[in-house]
């Protein structure tokens, strides 16, 4: 899910931290870059996980775009990198 008005995604590998609240984009993304269109990755009726898969809160929350509309999950909220220390 992209932020309103966004048309591309810059990979984290193409940024560098300037300070604790700012990053610098060292390689901009072209329009449409790193973005998939609806239906490109899965179609209605496709299985997302094998039957019987165990869902943990951090996985299920991160996989539900409506859970955190347009913002990233912080480590304390169980975001995708919360296991890293």
PDB file of N, CA and C in Angstrom:
ATOM      1  N   UNK A   1       0.845  -1.165   0.000  1.00  0.00           N
ATOM      2  CA  UNK A   1       0.000   0.000   0.000  1.00  0.00           C
ATOM      3  C   UNK A   1       0.900   1.242   0.000  1.00  0.00           C
ATOM      4  N   UNK A   2       0.664   2.112  -0.940  1.00  0.00           N
ATOM      5  CA  UNK A   2       1.458   3.344  -1.045  1.00  0.00           C
ATOM      6  C   UNK A   2       0.746   4.500  -0.369  1.00  0.00           C
ATOM      7  N   UNK A   3       1.524   5.449   0.064  1.00  0.00           N
ATOM      8  CA  UNK A   3       0.952   6.680   0.611  1.00  0.00           C
ATOM      9  C   UNK A   3       0.219   7.425  -0.503  1.00  0.00           C
ATOM     10  N   UNK A   4      -0.805   8.165  -0.149  1.00  0.00           N
ATOM     11  CA  UNK A   4      -1.563   8.943  -1.124  1.00  0.00           C
ATOM     12  C   UNK A   4      -0.607   9.852  -1.893  1.00  0.00           C
ATOM     13  N   UNK A   5      -0.676   9.808  -3.214  1.00  0.00           N
ATOM     14  CA  UNK A   5       0.161  10.643  -4.068  1.00  0.00           C
ATOM     15  C   UNK A   5       1.499  10.028  -4.442  1.00  0.00           C
ATOM     16  N   UNK A   6       1.872   8.919  -3.802  1.00  0.00           N
ATOM     17  CA  UNK A   6       3.146   8.260  -4.125  1.00  0.00           C
ATOM     18  C   UNK A   6       3.002   7.439  -5.399  1.00  0.00           C
ATOM     19  N   UNK A   7       4.072   7.375  -6.197  1.00  0.00           N
ATOM     20  CA  UNK A   7       4.033   6.579  -7.423  1.00  0.00           C
ATOM     21  C   UNK A   7       5.246   5.670  -7.565  1.00  0.00           C
ATOM     22  N   UNK A   8       6.089   5.611  -6.533  1.00  0.00           N
ATOM     23  CA  UNK A   8       7.274   4.761  -6.550  1.00  0.00           C
ATOM     24  C   UNK A   8       7.711   4.498  -5.110  1.00  0.00           C
ATOM     25  N   UNK A   9       8.591   3.506  -4.947  1.00  0.00           N
ATOM     26  CA  UNK A   9       9.129   3.178  -3.633  1.00  0.00           C
ATOM     27  C   UNK A   9      10.650   3.165  -3.732  1.00  0.00           C
ATOM     28  N   UNK A  10      11.307   3.888  -2.854  1.00  0.00           N
ATOM     29  CA  UNK A  10      12.773   3.901  -2.795  1.00  0.00           C
ATOM     30  C   UNK A  10      13.204   2.776  -1.860  1.00  0.00           C
ATOM     31  N   UNK A  11      14.083   1.910  -2.341  1.00  0.00           N
ATOM     32  CA  UNK A  11      14.590   0.817  -1.509  1.00  0.00           C
ATOM     33  C   UNK A  11      15.484   1.394  -0.416  1.00  0.00           C
ATOM     34  N   UNK A  12      15.414   0.792   0.770  1.00  0.00           N
ATOM     35  CA  UNK A  12      16.211   1.272   1.900  1.00  0.00           C
ATOM     36  C   UNK A  12      17.702   1.248   1.562  1.00  0.00           C
ATOM     37  N   UNK A  13      18.108   0.324   0.705  1.00  0.00           N
ATOM     38  CA  UNK A  13      19.509   0.234   0.296  1.00  0.00           C
ATOM     39  C   UNK A  13      19.963   1.481  -0.464  1.00  0.00           C
ATOM     40  N   UNK A  14      19.003   2.243  -0.966  1.00  0.00           N
ATOM     41  CA  UNK A  14      19.320   3.456  -1.716  1.00  0.00           C
ATOM     42  C   UNK A  14      19.115   4.716  -0.894  1.00  0.00           C
ATOM     43  N   UNK A  15      19.232   4.569   0.413  1.00  0.00           N
ATOM     44  CA  UNK A  15      19.132   5.717   1.327  1.00  0.00           C
ATOM     45  C   UNK A  15      20.283   5.657   2.314  1.00  0.00           C
ATOM     46  N   UNK A  16      20.489   6.766   2.985  1.00  0.00           N
ATOM     47  CA  UNK A  16      21.458   6.775   4.096  1.00  0.00           C
ATOM     48  C   UNK A  16      20.910   7.710   5.155  1.00  0.00           C
ATOM     49  N   UNK A  17      21.183   7.380   6.409  1.00  0.00           N
ATOM     50  CA  UNK A  17      20.722   8.210   7.509  1.00  0.00           C
ATOM     51  C   UNK A  17      21.509   9.505   7.590  1.00  0.00           C
ATOM     52  N   UNK A  18      20.799  10.609   7.716  1.00  0.00           N
ATOM     53  CA  UNK A  18      21.439  11.911   7.901  1.00  0.00           C
ATOM     54  C   UNK A  18      21.540  12.201   9.394  1.00  0.00           C
ATOM     55  N   UNK A  19      20.436  11.996  10.093  1.00  0.00           N
ATOM     56  CA  UNK A  19      20.402  12.086  11.550  1.00  0.00           C
ATOM     57  C   UNK A  19      19.269  11.193  12.026  1.00  0.00           C
ATOM     58  N   UNK A  20      18.851  11.323  13.257  1.00  0.00           N
ATOM     59  CA  UNK A  20      17.841  10.408  13.796  1.00  0.00           C
ATOM     60  C   UNK A  20      16.448  10.626  13.226  1.00  0.00           C
ATOM     61  N   UNK A  21      16.219  11.724  12.530  1.00  0.00           N
ATOM     62  CA  UNK A  21      14.879  11.983  12.007  1.00  0.00           C
ATOM     63  C   UNK A  21      14.838  12.202  10.498  1.00  0.00           C
ATOM     64  N   UNK A  22      15.972  11.990   9.810  1.00  0.00           N
ATOM     65  CA  UNK A  22      16.009  12.290   8.380  1.00  0.00           C
ATOM     66  C   UNK A  22      16.887  11.291   7.633  1.00  0.00           C
ATOM     67  N   UNK A  23      16.459  10.983   6.395  1.00  0.00           N
ATOM     68  CA  UNK A  23      17.285  10.158   5.513  1.00  0.00           C
ATOM     69  C   UNK A  23      17.558  10.924   4.231  1.00  0.00           C
ATOM     70  N   UNK A  24      18.581  10.511   3.528  1.00  0.00           N
ATOM     71  CA  UNK A  24      18.879  11.061   2.212  1.00  0.00           C
ATOM     72  C   UNK A  24      18.682   9.942   1.196  1.00  0.00           C
ATOM     73  N   UNK A  25      17.974  10.244   0.124  1.00  0.00           N
ATOM     74  CA  UNK A  25      17.798   9.287  -0.968  1.00  0.00           C
ATOM     75  C   UNK A  25      18.997   9.461  -1.894  1.00  0.00           C
ATOM     76  N   UNK A  26      19.843   8.412  -1.980  1.00  0.00           N
ATOM     77  CA  UNK A  26      21.057   8.511  -2.797  1.00  0.00           C
ATOM     78  C   UNK A  26      20.846   8.007  -4.219  1.00  0.00           C
ATOM     79  N   UNK A  27      19.738   7.280  -4.445  1.00  0.00           N
ATOM     80  CA  UNK A  27      19.351   6.862  -5.787  1.00  0.00           C
ATOM     81  C   UNK A  27      17.834   6.931  -5.868  1.00  0.00           C
ATOM     82  N   UNK A  28      17.308   7.964  -6.509  1.00  0.00           N
ATOM     83  CA  UNK A  28      15.850   8.108  -6.610  1.00  0.00           C
ATOM     84  C   UNK A  28      15.215   6.964  -7.387  1.00  0.00           C
ATOM     85  N   UNK A  29      13.941   6.751  -7.152  1.00  0.00           N
ATOM     86  CA  UNK A  29      13.186   5.730  -7.875  1.00  0.00           C
ATOM     87  C   UNK A  29      12.364   6.396  -8.969  1.00  0.00           C
ATOM     88  N   UNK A  30      12.333   5.769 -10.131  1.00  0.00           N
ATOM     89  CA  UNK A  30      11.518   6.261 -11.245  1.00  0.00           C
ATOM     90  C   UNK A  30      10.056   5.920 -10.988  1.00  0.00           C
ATOM     91  N   UNK A  31       9.159   6.622 -11.634  1.00  0.00           N
ATOM     92  CA  UNK A  31       7.723   6.375 -11.484  1.00  0.00           C
ATOM     93  C   UNK A  31       7.430   4.901 -11.739  1.00  0.00           C
ATOM     94  N   UNK A  32       6.742   4.275 -10.803  1.00  0.00           N
ATOM     95  CA  UNK A  32       6.377   2.863 -10.925  1.00  0.00           C
ATOM     96  C   UNK A  32       7.418   1.884 -10.433  1.00  0.00           C
ATOM     97  N   UNK A  33       8.601   2.357 -10.082  1.00  0.00           N
ATOM     98  CA  UNK A  33       9.685   1.466  -9.641  1.00  0.00           C
ATOM     99  C   UNK A  33       9.378   0.879  -8.271  1.00  0.00           C
ATOM    100  N   UNK A  34       9.625  -0.413  -8.113  1.00  0.00           N
ATOM    101  CA  UNK A  34       9.423  -1.144  -6.862  1.00  0.00           C
ATOM    102  C   UNK A  34       7.968  -1.151  -6.414  1.00  0.00           C
ATOM    103  N   UNK A  35       7.054  -1.058  -7.367  1.00  0.00           N
ATOM    104  CA  UNK A  35       5.618  -1.057  -7.098  1.00  0.00           C
ATOM    105  C   UNK A  35       4.976  -2.157  -7.932  1.00  0.00           C
ATOM    106  N   UNK A  36       4.120  -2.945  -7.309  1.00  0.00           N
ATOM    107  CA  UNK A  36       3.365  -3.928  -8.079  1.00  0.00           C
ATOM    108  C   UNK A  36       1.921  -3.462  -8.157  1.00  0.00           C
ATOM    109  N   UNK A  37       1.264  -3.815  -9.223  1.00  0.00           N
ATOM    110  CA  UNK A  37      -0.121  -3.427  -9.425  1.00  0.00           C
ATOM    111  C   UNK A  37      -1.047  -4.480  -8.804  1.00  0.00           C
ATOM    112  N   UNK A  38      -2.252  -4.084  -8.485  1.00  0.00           N
ATOM    113  CA  UNK A  38      -3.232  -5.000  -7.920  1.00  0.00           C
ATOM    114  C   UNK A  38      -3.392  -6.194  -8.858  1.00  0.00           C
ATOM    115  N   UNK A  39      -3.289  -7.388  -8.293  1.00  0.00           N
ATOM    116  CA  UNK A  39      -3.454  -8.613  -9.069  1.00  0.00           C
ATOM    117  C   UNK A  39      -2.171  -9.202  -9.608  1.00  0.00           C
ATOM    118  N   UNK A  40      -1.056  -8.475  -9.542  1.00  0.00           N
ATOM    119  CA  UNK A  40       0.225  -9.002 -10.045  1.00  0.00           C
ATOM    120  C   UNK A  40       0.798 -10.081  -9.148  1.00  0.00           C
ATOM    121  N   UNK A  41       0.588  -9.984  -7.852  1.00  0.00           N
ATOM    122  CA  UNK A  41       1.197 -10.923  -6.914  1.00  0.00           C
ATOM    123  C   UNK A  41       0.270 -12.048  -6.494  1.00  0.00           C
ATOM    124  N   UNK A  42      -1.036 -11.810  -6.539  1.00  0.00           N
ATOM    125  CA  UNK A  42      -2.006 -12.838  -6.169  1.00  0.00           C
ATOM    126  C   UNK A  42      -3.359 -12.474  -6.771  1.00  0.00           C
ATOM    127  N   UNK A  43      -4.202 -13.471  -6.894  1.00  0.00           N
ATOM    128  CA  UNK A  43      -5.537 -13.251  -7.442  1.00  0.00           C
ATOM    129  C   UNK A  43      -6.577 -13.728  -6.434  1.00  0.00           C
ATOM    130  N   UNK A  44      -7.792 -13.267  -6.593  1.00  0.00           N
ATOM    131  CA  UNK A  44      -8.870 -13.687  -5.720  1.00  0.00           C
ATOM    132  C   UNK A  44      -8.933 -15.210  -5.710  1.00  0.00           C
ATOM    133  N   UNK A  45      -8.979 -15.768  -4.510  1.00  0.00           N
ATOM    134  CA  UNK A  45      -9.057 -17.221  -4.368  1.00  0.00           C
ATOM    135  C   UNK A  45      -7.718 -17.900  -4.171  1.00  0.00           C
ATOM    136  N   UNK A  46      -6.595 -17.209  -4.417  1.00  0.00           N
ATOM    137  CA  UNK A  46      -5.266 -17.799  -4.201  1.00  0.00           C
ATOM    138  C   UNK A  46      -5.039 -18.038  -2.705  1.00  0.00           C
ATOM    139  N   UNK A  47      -4.353 -19.110  -2.379  1.00  0.00           N
ATOM    140  CA  UNK A  47      -3.969 -19.377  -0.996  1.00  0.00           C
ATOM    141  C   UNK A  47      -2.786 -18.480  -0.639  1.00  0.00           C
ATOM    142  N   UNK A  48      -2.896 -17.764   0.456  1.00  0.00           N
ATOM    143  CA  UNK A  48      -1.799 -16.891   0.892  1.00  0.00           C
ATOM    144  C   UNK A  48      -0.800 -17.643   1.746  1.00  0.00           C
ATOM    145  N   UNK A  49      -1.269 -18.588   2.532  1.00  0.00           N
ATOM    146  CA  UNK A  49      -0.424 -19.404   3.404  1.00  0.00           C
ATOM    147  C   UNK A  49      -0.920 -20.845   3.321  1.00  0.00           C
ATOM    148  N   UNK A  50      -0.039 -21.785   3.543  1.00  0.00           N
ATOM    149  CA  UNK A  50      -0.488 -23.175   3.569  1.00  0.00           C
ATOM    150  C   UNK A  50      -1.476 -23.401   4.716  1.00  0.00           C
ATOM    151  N   UNK A  51      -2.436 -24.283   4.509  1.00  0.00           N
ATOM    152  CA  UNK A  51      -3.411 -24.623   5.548  1.00  0.00           C
ATOM    153  C   UNK A  51      -2.678 -25.041   6.813  1.00  0.00           C
ATOM    154  N   UNK A  52      -3.123 -24.542   7.958  1.00  0.00           N
ATOM    155  CA  UNK A  52      -2.528 -24.897   9.241  1.00  0.00           C
ATOM    156  C   UNK A  52      -1.346 -24.023   9.640  1.00  0.00           C
ATOM    157  N   UNK A  53      -1.012 -23.006   8.852  1.00  0.00           N
ATOM    158  CA  UNK A  53       0.108 -22.124   9.196  1.00  0.00           C
ATOM    159  C   UNK A  53      -0.172 -21.396  10.510  1.00  0.00           C
ATOM    160  N   UNK A  54       0.837 -21.274  11.333  1.00  0.00           N
ATOM    161  CA  UNK A  54       0.720 -20.559  12.595  1.00  0.00           C
ATOM    162  C   UNK A  54       0.956 -19.082  12.350  1.00  0.00           C
ATOM    163  N   UNK A  55       0.008 -18.250  12.731  1.00  0.00           N
ATOM    164  CA  UNK A  55       0.155 -16.804  12.605  1.00  0.00           C
ATOM    165  C   UNK A  55       0.488 -16.218  13.961  1.00  0.00           C
ATOM    166  N   UNK A  56       1.563 -15.488  14.009  1.00  0.00           N
ATOM    167  CA  UNK A  56       1.939 -14.774  15.229  1.00  0.00           C
ATOM    168  C   UNK A  56       1.525 -13.316  15.054  1.00  0.00           C
ATOM    169  N   UNK A  57       1.296 -12.583  16.127  1.00  0.00           N
ATOM    170  CA  UNK A  57       0.807 -11.201  16.002  1.00  0.00           C
ATOM    171  C   UNK A  57       1.641 -10.330  15.083  1.00  0.00           C
ATOM    172  N   UNK A  58       2.962 -10.384  15.155  1.00  0.00           N
ATOM    173  CA  UNK A  58       3.779  -9.502  14.328  1.00  0.00           C
ATOM    174  C   UNK A  58       3.654  -9.838  12.855  1.00  0.00           C
ATOM    175  N   UNK A  59       3.449 -11.093  12.529  1.00  0.00           N
ATOM    176  CA  UNK A  59       3.302 -11.492  11.137  1.00  0.00           C
ATOM    177  C   UNK A  59       1.921 -11.101  10.630  1.00  0.00           C
ATOM    178  N   UNK A  60       0.894 -11.417  11.370  1.00  0.00           N
ATOM    179  CA  UNK A  60      -0.455 -11.128  10.897  1.00  0.00           C
ATOM    180  C   UNK A  60      -0.715  -9.627  10.830  1.00  0.00           C
ATOM    181  N   UNK A  61      -0.181  -8.847  11.754  1.00  0.00           N
ATOM    182  CA  UNK A  61      -0.370  -7.391  11.704  1.00  0.00           C
ATOM    183  C   UNK A  61       0.372  -6.787  10.520  1.00  0.00           C
ATOM    184  N   UNK A  62       1.581  -7.258  10.261  1.00  0.00           N
ATOM    185  CA  UNK A  62       2.366  -6.713   9.154  1.00  0.00           C
ATOM    186  C   UNK A  62       1.770  -7.089   7.809  1.00  0.00           C
ATOM    187  N   UNK A  63       1.030  -8.168   7.748  1.00  0.00           N
ATOM    188  CA  UNK A  63       0.472  -8.598   6.472  1.00  0.00           C
ATOM    189  C   UNK A  63      -0.897  -7.995   6.195  1.00  0.00           C
ATOM    190  N   UNK A  64      -1.397  -7.188   7.095  1.00  0.00           N
ATOM    191  CA  UNK A  64      -2.726  -6.593   6.933  1.00  0.00           C
ATOM    192  C   UNK A  64      -2.594  -5.089   6.738  1.00  0.00           C
ATOM    193  N   UNK A  65      -2.643  -4.602   5.498  1.00  0.00           N
ATOM    194  CA  UNK A  65      -2.448  -3.178   5.236  1.00  0.00           C
ATOM    195  C   UNK A  65      -3.386  -2.268   6.018  1.00  0.00           C
ATOM    196  N   UNK A  66      -4.595  -2.692   6.267  1.00  0.00           N
ATOM    197  CA  UNK A  66      -5.544  -1.827   6.986  1.00  0.00           C
ATOM    198  C   UNK A  66      -5.166  -1.654   8.447  1.00  0.00           C
ATOM    199  N   UNK A  67      -4.327  -2.537   8.971  1.00  0.00           N
ATOM    200  CA  UNK A  67      -3.930  -2.465  10.376  1.00  0.00           C
ATOM    201  C   UNK A  67      -3.126  -1.205  10.667  1.00  0.00           C
ATOM    202  N   UNK A  68      -2.296  -0.777   9.733  1.00  0.00           N
ATOM    203  CA  UNK A  68      -1.412   0.360  10.003  1.00  0.00           C
ATOM    204  C   UNK A  68      -1.367   1.337   8.841  1.00  0.00           C
ATOM    205  N   UNK A  69      -2.472   1.548   8.174  1.00  0.00           N
ATOM    206  CA  UNK A  69      -2.627   2.423   7.020  1.00  0.00           C
ATOM    207  C   UNK A  69      -1.545   3.483   6.843  1.00  0.00           C
ATOM    208  N   UNK A  70      -0.626   3.228   5.941  1.00  0.00           N
ATOM    209  CA  UNK A  70       0.342   4.227   5.535  1.00  0.00           C
ATOM    210  C   UNK A  70       1.477   4.498   6.494  1.00  0.00           C
ATOM    211  N   UNK A  71       1.552   3.806   7.612  1.00  0.00           N
ATOM    212  CA  UNK A  71       2.668   4.019   8.519  1.00  0.00           C
ATOM    213  C   UNK A  71       3.371   2.692   8.724  1.00  0.00           C
ATOM    214  N   UNK A  72       4.589   2.752   9.176  1.00  0.00           N
ATOM    215  CA  UNK A  72       5.296   1.505   9.433  1.00  0.00           C
ATOM    216  C   UNK A  72       5.114   1.117  10.892  1.00  0.00           C
ATOM    217  N   UNK A  73       5.242  -0.162  11.161  1.00  0.00           N
ATOM    218  CA  UNK A  73       5.144  -0.621  12.539  1.00  0.00           C
ATOM    219  C   UNK A  73       6.480  -0.409  13.228  1.00  0.00           C
ATOM    220  N   UNK A  74       6.449   0.223  14.380  1.00  0.00           N
ATOM    221  CA  UNK A  74       7.670   0.408  15.154  1.00  0.00           C
ATOM    222  C   UNK A  74       8.027  -0.899  15.851  1.00  0.00           C
ATOM    223  N   UNK A  75       9.283  -1.023  16.223  1.00  0.00           N
ATOM    224  CA  UNK A  75       9.764  -2.238  16.871  1.00  0.00           C
ATOM    225  C   UNK A  75       8.908  -2.600  18.072  1.00  0.00           C
ATOM    226  N   UNK A  76       8.519  -1.613  18.879  1.00  0.00           N
ATOM    227  CA  UNK A  76       7.736  -1.881  20.071  1.00  0.00           C
ATOM    228  C   UNK A  76       6.332  -2.372  19.752  1.00  0.00           C
ATOM    229  N   UNK A  77       5.862  -2.180  18.505  1.00  0.00           N
ATOM    230  CA  UNK A  77       4.533  -2.621  18.103  1.00  0.00           C
ATOM    231  C   UNK A  77       4.567  -3.998  17.456  1.00  0.00           C
ATOM    232  N   UNK A  78       5.738  -4.620  17.424  1.00  0.00           N
ATOM    233  CA  UNK A  78       5.825  -5.936  16.819  1.00  0.00           C
ATOM    234  C   UNK A  78       5.962  -5.901  15.317  1.00  0.00           C
ATOM    235  N   UNK A  79       6.625  -4.873  14.794  1.00  0.00           N
ATOM    236  CA  UNK A  79       6.833  -4.749  13.358  1.00  0.00           C
ATOM    237  C   UNK A  79       7.722  -5.849  12.824  1.00  0.00           C
ATOM    238  N   UNK A  80       7.891  -5.894  11.506  1.00  0.00           N
ATOM    239  CA  UNK A  80       8.641  -6.982  10.875  1.00  0.00           C
ATOM    240  C   UNK A  80      10.061  -7.168  11.407  1.00  0.00           C
ATOM    241  N   UNK A  81      10.681  -6.112  11.933  1.00  0.00           N
ATOM    242  CA  UNK A  81      12.054  -6.236  12.434  1.00  0.00           C
ATOM    243  C   UNK A  81      12.129  -6.313  13.952  1.00  0.00           C
ATOM    244  N   UNK A  82      10.999  -6.562  14.619  1.00  0.00           N
ATOM    245  CA  UNK A  82      11.000  -6.545  16.073  1.00  0.00           C
ATOM    246  C   UNK A  82      11.844  -7.668  16.677  1.00  0.00           C
ATOM    247  N   UNK A  83      12.136  -8.713  15.899  1.00  0.00           N
ATOM    248  CA  UNK A  83      12.955  -9.817  16.402  1.00  0.00           C
ATOM    249  C   UNK A  83      14.440  -9.477  16.374  1.00  0.00           C
ATOM    250  N   UNK A  84      14.807  -8.420  15.665  1.00  0.00           N
ATOM    251  CA  UNK A  84      16.219  -8.040  15.556  1.00  0.00           C
ATOM    252  C   UNK A  84      16.608  -7.165  16.725  1.00  0.00           C
ATOM    253  N   UNK A  85      17.740  -7.433  17.312  1.00  0.00           N
ATOM    254  CA  UNK A  85      18.226  -6.610  18.440  1.00  0.00           C
ATOM    255  C   UNK A  85      19.636  -6.202  18.188  1.00  0.00           C
TER     256      UNK A  85
END
